[in-house]
Amino acid sequence: MNQVASQYQLENNLFLYLIRIVEHEGLTQSDLAELIQVDKTTLSRALKKLDDRGYIDKVTDAQNKNYKQLYPTQKARERYEALAKLEQQYIKGRLSPLSAAELAGLNKILNKILHN
């Protein structure tokens, strides 16, 4: 996936951050760190790259000046469909060897982890 995404200057998993920002417009950096499960230092570096490359806008939250809300630019929206499709194909390919029962079990385990 990194190879294909690199044509958009979204190497090193930057495309994952961008996809989540498009899907959750206005989320904060803290929300994104939790969503992707990455430390804040790594996230800050990635967001700087996305900002420098014209993919996101950081807007100071009106309620709390310490929070920056993240919004995709038009450039990001234009790339989103191709990137989301690529991500879905990747996931589908990785899960294809699993039976329906195995997928159900995996889903159950993931939900348990998510809610604990």
N, C-alpha and C. Protein backbone atom coordinates (compact mmCIF):
# COMPACT_ATOMS: atom_id res chain seq x y z
N MET A 1 0.81 -1.19 0.00
CA MET A 1 0.00 0.00 0.00
C MET A 1 0.87 1.26 0.00
N ASN A 2 1.96 1.22 0.76
CA ASN A 2 2.85 2.38 0.79
C ASN A 2 3.40 2.70 -0.59
N GLN A 3 3.67 1.66 -1.37
CA GLN A 3 4.21 1.86 -2.70
C GLN A 3 3.23 2.63 -3.59
N VAL A 4 1.98 2.21 -3.57
CA VAL A 4 0.97 2.87 -4.39
C VAL A 4 0.71 4.28 -3.86
N ALA A 5 0.62 4.43 -2.54
CA ALA A 5 0.33 5.74 -1.93
C ALA A 5 1.48 6.72 -2.13
N SER A 6 2.68 6.21 -2.36
CA SER A 6 3.82 7.11 -2.52
C SER A 6 3.70 7.99 -3.77
N GLN A 7 2.90 7.57 -4.74
CA GLN A 7 2.68 8.40 -5.92
C GLN A 7 1.95 9.70 -5.57
N TYR A 8 1.30 9.73 -4.41
CA TYR A 8 0.62 10.93 -3.92
C TYR A 8 1.41 11.61 -2.80
N GLN A 9 2.66 11.23 -2.62
CA GLN A 9 3.51 11.71 -1.52
C GLN A 9 2.89 11.36 -0.16
N LEU A 10 2.35 10.14 -0.06
CA LEU A 10 1.72 9.67 1.17
C LEU A 10 2.37 8.36 1.63
N GLU A 11 3.69 8.34 1.59
CA GLU A 11 4.43 7.16 2.00
C GLU A 11 4.43 7.04 3.53
N ASN A 12 5.01 5.94 4.02
CA ASN A 12 5.14 5.69 5.46
C ASN A 12 3.82 5.81 6.21
N ASN A 13 2.79 5.26 5.63
CA ASN A 13 1.46 5.19 6.24
C ASN A 13 0.76 6.54 6.39
N LEU A 14 1.24 7.58 5.74
CA LEU A 14 0.55 8.87 5.79
C LEU A 14 -0.87 8.75 5.25
N PHE A 15 -1.07 7.84 4.30
CA PHE A 15 -2.40 7.66 3.73
C PHE A 15 -3.41 7.22 4.78
N LEU A 16 -2.96 6.44 5.79
CA LEU A 16 -3.88 6.00 6.84
C LEU A 16 -4.41 7.18 7.64
N TYR A 17 -3.52 8.11 7.97
CA TYR A 17 -3.94 9.31 8.70
C TYR A 17 -4.92 10.10 7.85
N LEU A 18 -4.60 10.26 6.58
CA LEU A 18 -5.42 11.07 5.69
C LEU A 18 -6.81 10.46 5.52
N ILE A 19 -6.89 9.17 5.34
CA ILE A 19 -8.18 8.50 5.19
C ILE A 19 -9.06 8.77 6.42
N ARG A 20 -8.48 8.61 7.60
CA ARG A 20 -9.25 8.82 8.84
C ARG A 20 -9.68 10.29 8.98
N ILE A 21 -8.84 11.23 8.57
CA ILE A 21 -9.20 12.65 8.67
C ILE A 21 -10.36 12.96 7.73
N VAL A 22 -10.35 12.41 6.53
CA VAL A 22 -11.46 12.63 5.60
C VAL A 22 -12.74 12.01 6.17
N GLU A 23 -12.64 10.83 6.74
CA GLU A 23 -13.80 10.14 7.28
C GLU A 23 -14.34 10.77 8.56
N HIS A 24 -13.50 11.48 9.28
CA HIS A 24 -13.88 12.08 10.57
C HIS A 24 -13.49 13.55 10.60
N GLU A 25 -14.00 14.32 9.68
CA GLU A 25 -13.64 15.74 9.58
C GLU A 25 -13.85 16.47 10.90
N GLY A 26 -12.85 17.27 11.27
CA GLY A 26 -12.96 18.09 12.47
C GLY A 26 -12.49 17.41 13.75
N LEU A 27 -12.01 16.17 13.63
CA LEU A 27 -11.53 15.52 14.85
C LEU A 27 -10.23 16.18 15.31
N THR A 28 -9.93 16.03 16.58
CA THR A 28 -8.72 16.63 17.14
C THR A 28 -7.54 15.68 16.96
N GLN A 29 -6.36 16.20 17.19
CA GLN A 29 -5.16 15.37 17.11
C GLN A 29 -5.24 14.24 18.13
N SER A 30 -5.73 14.52 19.32
CA SER A 30 -5.87 13.49 20.36
C SER A 30 -6.82 12.40 19.91
N ASP A 31 -7.94 12.80 19.31
CA ASP A 31 -8.91 11.82 18.81
C ASP A 31 -8.30 10.95 17.73
N LEU A 32 -7.52 11.56 16.85
CA LEU A 32 -6.88 10.81 15.77
C LEU A 32 -5.83 9.85 16.32
N ALA A 33 -5.07 10.29 17.31
CA ALA A 33 -4.06 9.42 17.93
C ALA A 33 -4.72 8.19 18.53
N GLU A 34 -5.85 8.39 19.17
CA GLU A 34 -6.58 7.27 19.77
C GLU A 34 -7.17 6.37 18.70
N LEU A 35 -7.72 6.96 17.67
CA LEU A 35 -8.34 6.21 16.58
C LEU A 35 -7.34 5.31 15.87
N ILE A 36 -6.17 5.84 15.60
CA ILE A 36 -5.15 5.10 14.86
C ILE A 36 -4.23 4.30 15.78
N GLN A 37 -4.27 4.62 17.08
CA GLN A 37 -3.42 3.96 18.07
C GLN A 37 -1.94 4.22 17.79
N VAL A 38 -1.60 5.51 17.78
CA VAL A 38 -0.23 5.93 17.55
C VAL A 38 0.12 6.99 18.59
N ASP A 39 1.40 7.06 18.94
CA ASP A 39 1.80 8.05 19.94
C ASP A 39 1.74 9.46 19.34
N LYS A 40 1.62 10.44 20.21
CA LYS A 40 1.40 11.82 19.77
C LYS A 40 2.59 12.41 19.03
N THR A 41 3.79 11.97 19.37
CA THR A 41 4.98 12.48 18.67
C THR A 41 4.98 12.02 17.21
N THR A 42 4.71 10.75 17.00
CA THR A 42 4.64 10.21 15.64
C THR A 42 3.53 10.90 14.86
N LEU A 43 2.40 11.09 15.52
CA LEU A 43 1.27 11.75 14.88
C LEU A 43 1.61 13.18 14.50
N SER A 44 2.26 13.90 15.38
CA SER A 44 2.63 15.30 15.08
C SER A 44 3.52 15.40 13.86
N ARG A 45 4.49 14.50 13.76
CA ARG A 45 5.38 14.51 12.58
C ARG A 45 4.59 14.21 11.31
N ALA A 46 3.69 13.24 11.38
CA ALA A 46 2.90 12.88 10.21
C ALA A 46 1.97 14.02 9.79
N LEU A 47 1.35 14.67 10.78
CA LEU A 47 0.44 15.78 10.47
C LEU A 47 1.19 16.96 9.86
N LYS A 48 2.40 17.20 10.32
CA LYS A 48 3.21 18.27 9.75
C LYS A 48 3.46 17.99 8.27
N LYS A 49 3.79 16.74 7.94
CA LYS A 49 4.02 16.37 6.54
C LYS A 49 2.76 16.56 5.72
N LEU A 50 1.62 16.11 6.26
CA LEU A 50 0.36 16.25 5.53
C LEU A 50 0.01 17.72 5.31
N ASP A 51 0.26 18.54 6.32
CA ASP A 51 0.01 19.97 6.22
C ASP A 51 0.94 20.61 5.19
N ASP A 52 2.23 20.29 5.27
CA ASP A 52 3.21 20.85 4.33
C ASP A 52 2.91 20.46 2.88
N ARG A 53 2.32 19.30 2.69
CA ARG A 53 2.02 18.80 1.33
C ARG A 53 0.63 19.21 0.86
N GLY A 54 -0.07 19.98 1.67
CA GLY A 54 -1.35 20.53 1.25
C GLY A 54 -2.53 19.59 1.37
N TYR A 55 -2.45 18.60 2.27
CA TYR A 55 -3.54 17.64 2.42
C TYR A 55 -4.49 17.95 3.56
N ILE A 56 -4.06 18.72 4.55
CA ILE A 56 -4.92 19.02 5.69
C ILE A 56 -4.82 20.48 6.09
N ASP A 57 -5.86 20.91 6.79
CA ASP A 57 -5.87 22.22 7.43
C ASP A 57 -6.07 21.98 8.92
N LYS A 58 -5.27 22.66 9.74
CA LYS A 58 -5.43 22.60 11.19
C LYS A 58 -6.13 23.88 11.62
N VAL A 59 -7.26 23.73 12.29
CA VAL A 59 -8.06 24.87 12.71
C VAL A 59 -8.16 24.86 14.23
N THR A 60 -7.85 26.00 14.85
CA THR A 60 -7.95 26.10 16.30
C THR A 60 -9.40 25.98 16.71
N ASP A 61 -9.65 25.10 17.68
CA ASP A 61 -11.00 24.86 18.19
C ASP A 61 -11.54 26.12 18.86
N ALA A 62 -12.76 26.48 18.55
CA ALA A 62 -13.36 27.70 19.10
C ALA A 62 -13.58 27.58 20.62
N GLN A 63 -13.86 26.39 21.11
CA GLN A 63 -14.13 26.16 22.53
C GLN A 63 -12.86 26.08 23.36
N ASN A 64 -11.84 25.45 22.79
CA ASN A 64 -10.59 25.23 23.52
C ASN A 64 -9.42 25.55 22.60
N LYS A 65 -8.74 26.64 22.87
CA LYS A 65 -7.65 27.12 22.00
C LYS A 65 -6.46 26.15 21.93
N ASN A 66 -6.39 25.20 22.87
CA ASN A 66 -5.28 24.24 22.87
C ASN A 66 -5.49 23.11 21.86
N TYR A 67 -6.72 22.94 21.39
CA TYR A 67 -7.03 21.86 20.46
C TYR A 67 -7.02 22.36 19.02
N LYS A 68 -6.46 21.55 18.16
CA LYS A 68 -6.50 21.82 16.72
C LYS A 68 -7.41 20.77 16.09
N GLN A 69 -8.40 21.24 15.36
CA GLN A 69 -9.25 20.33 14.62
C GLN A 69 -8.64 20.12 13.24
N LEU A 70 -8.79 18.92 12.74
CA LEU A 70 -8.17 18.54 11.47
C LEU A 70 -9.23 18.42 10.37
N TYR A 71 -8.96 19.08 9.27
CA TYR A 71 -9.87 19.05 8.13
C TYR A 71 -9.10 18.72 6.86
N PRO A 72 -9.70 17.90 5.99
CA PRO A 72 -9.05 17.61 4.72
C PRO A 72 -9.20 18.77 3.75
N THR A 73 -8.20 18.96 2.92
CA THR A 73 -8.29 19.96 1.86
C THR A 73 -8.98 19.32 0.65
N GLN A 74 -9.22 20.12 -0.35
CA GLN A 74 -9.81 19.60 -1.58
C GLN A 74 -8.88 18.54 -2.19
N LYS A 75 -7.60 18.77 -2.11
CA LYS A 75 -6.61 17.82 -2.62
C LYS A 75 -6.79 16.47 -1.93
N ALA A 76 -7.01 16.48 -0.63
CA ALA A 76 -7.20 15.24 0.13
C ALA A 76 -8.49 14.54 -0.30
N ARG A 77 -9.53 15.31 -0.48
CA ARG A 77 -10.82 14.73 -0.90
C ARG A 77 -10.70 14.08 -2.27
N GLU A 78 -9.91 14.69 -3.14
CA GLU A 78 -9.72 14.13 -4.48
C GLU A 78 -8.97 12.81 -4.45
N ARG A 79 -8.09 12.62 -3.49
CA ARG A 79 -7.31 11.38 -3.37
C ARG A 79 -8.03 10.31 -2.55
N TYR A 80 -9.01 10.74 -1.75
CA TYR A 80 -9.65 9.84 -0.78
C TYR A 80 -10.24 8.58 -1.42
N GLU A 81 -11.01 8.73 -2.46
CA GLU A 81 -11.69 7.57 -3.03
C GLU A 81 -10.70 6.48 -3.45
N ALA A 82 -9.64 6.88 -4.13
CA ALA A 82 -8.63 5.90 -4.57
C ALA A 82 -7.93 5.26 -3.37
N LEU A 83 -7.62 6.07 -2.37
CA LEU A 83 -6.93 5.54 -1.19
C LEU A 83 -7.82 4.62 -0.37
N ALA A 84 -9.08 5.00 -0.19
CA ALA A 84 -10.01 4.16 0.57
C ALA A 84 -10.24 2.83 -0.15
N LYS A 85 -10.35 2.89 -1.46
CA LYS A 85 -10.54 1.66 -2.25
C LYS A 85 -9.31 0.76 -2.09
N LEU A 86 -8.15 1.35 -2.15
CA LEU A 86 -6.90 0.61 -1.98
C LEU A 86 -6.85 -0.05 -0.60
N GLU A 87 -7.24 0.69 0.42
CA GLU A 87 -7.25 0.15 1.78
C GLU A 87 -8.23 -1.02 1.90
N GLN A 88 -9.41 -0.88 1.32
CA GLN A 88 -10.40 -1.95 1.38
C GLN A 88 -9.93 -3.20 0.65
N GLN A 89 -9.28 -3.02 -0.48
CA GLN A 89 -8.74 -4.17 -1.22
C GLN A 89 -7.66 -4.87 -0.40
N TYR A 90 -6.83 -4.10 0.25
CA TYR A 90 -5.77 -4.66 1.08
C TYR A 90 -6.37 -5.48 2.22
N ILE A 91 -7.33 -4.92 2.91
CA ILE A 91 -7.97 -5.62 4.03
C ILE A 91 -8.65 -6.89 3.54
N LYS A 92 -9.40 -6.77 2.46
CA LYS A 92 -10.10 -7.92 1.90
C LYS A 92 -9.12 -9.04 1.54
N GLY A 93 -7.99 -8.65 0.95
CA GLY A 93 -6.97 -9.64 0.59
C GLY A 93 -6.37 -10.34 1.79
N ARG A 94 -6.15 -9.60 2.85
CA ARG A 94 -5.57 -10.18 4.07
C ARG A 94 -6.55 -11.08 4.80
N LEU A 95 -7.84 -10.77 4.70
CA LEU A 95 -8.84 -11.56 5.41
C LEU A 95 -9.38 -12.72 4.57
N SER A 96 -9.07 -12.75 3.28
CA SER A 96 -9.64 -13.76 2.38
C SER A 96 -9.33 -15.21 2.78
N PRO A 97 -8.17 -15.51 3.40
CA PRO A 97 -7.93 -16.90 3.78
C PRO A 97 -8.80 -17.40 4.94
N LEU A 98 -9.48 -16.49 5.64
CA LEU A 98 -10.27 -16.87 6.81
C LEU A 98 -11.66 -17.35 6.41
N SER A 99 -12.14 -18.36 7.11
CA SER A 99 -13.50 -18.86 6.89
C SER A 99 -14.49 -17.89 7.54
N ALA A 100 -15.77 -18.10 7.25
CA ALA A 100 -16.82 -17.25 7.84
C ALA A 100 -16.79 -17.36 9.37
N ALA A 101 -16.58 -18.56 9.88
CA ALA A 101 -16.52 -18.76 11.33
C ALA A 101 -15.31 -18.05 11.93
N GLU A 102 -14.19 -18.12 11.24
CA GLU A 102 -12.98 -17.44 11.72
C GLU A 102 -13.16 -15.92 11.71
N LEU A 103 -13.81 -15.40 10.66
CA LEU A 103 -14.08 -13.96 10.59
C LEU A 103 -15.00 -13.53 11.73
N ALA A 104 -16.01 -14.34 12.01
CA ALA A 104 -16.93 -14.02 13.12
C ALA A 104 -16.17 -14.02 14.44
N GLY A 105 -15.30 -15.01 14.63
CA GLY A 105 -14.50 -15.07 15.85
C GLY A 105 -13.56 -13.88 15.98
N LEU A 106 -12.93 -13.50 14.88
CA LEU A 106 -12.03 -12.35 14.88
C LEU A 106 -12.80 -11.08 15.21
N ASN A 107 -13.96 -10.92 14.60
CA ASN A 107 -14.80 -9.76 14.87
C ASN A 107 -15.19 -9.70 16.35
N LYS A 108 -15.53 -10.84 16.92
CA LYS A 108 -15.91 -10.91 18.33
C LYS A 108 -14.73 -10.48 19.22
N ILE A 109 -13.56 -10.99 18.92
CA ILE A 109 -12.36 -10.65 19.70
C ILE A 109 -12.02 -9.17 19.58
N LEU A 110 -12.07 -8.65 18.37
CA LEU A 110 -11.76 -7.23 18.16
C LEU A 110 -12.76 -6.33 18.89
N ASN A 111 -14.03 -6.69 18.85
CA ASN A 111 -15.04 -5.91 19.58
C ASN A 111 -14.79 -5.95 21.09
N LYS A 112 -14.38 -7.10 21.58
CA LYS A 112 -14.09 -7.23 23.00
C LYS A 112 -12.92 -6.34 23.39
N ILE A 113 -11.88 -6.33 22.56
CA ILE A 113 -10.72 -5.46 22.81
C ILE A 113 -11.13 -4.00 22.76
N LEU A 114 -11.92 -3.65 21.77
CA LEU A 114 -12.35 -2.27 21.57
C LEU A 114 -13.15 -1.74 22.75
N HIS A 115 -13.98 -2.58 23.33
CA HIS A 115 -14.88 -2.13 24.39
C HIS A 115 -14.37 -2.40 25.80
N ASN A 116 -13.13 -2.80 25.93
CA ASN A 116 -12.54 -3.01 27.28
C ASN A 116 -11.38 -2.09 27.52
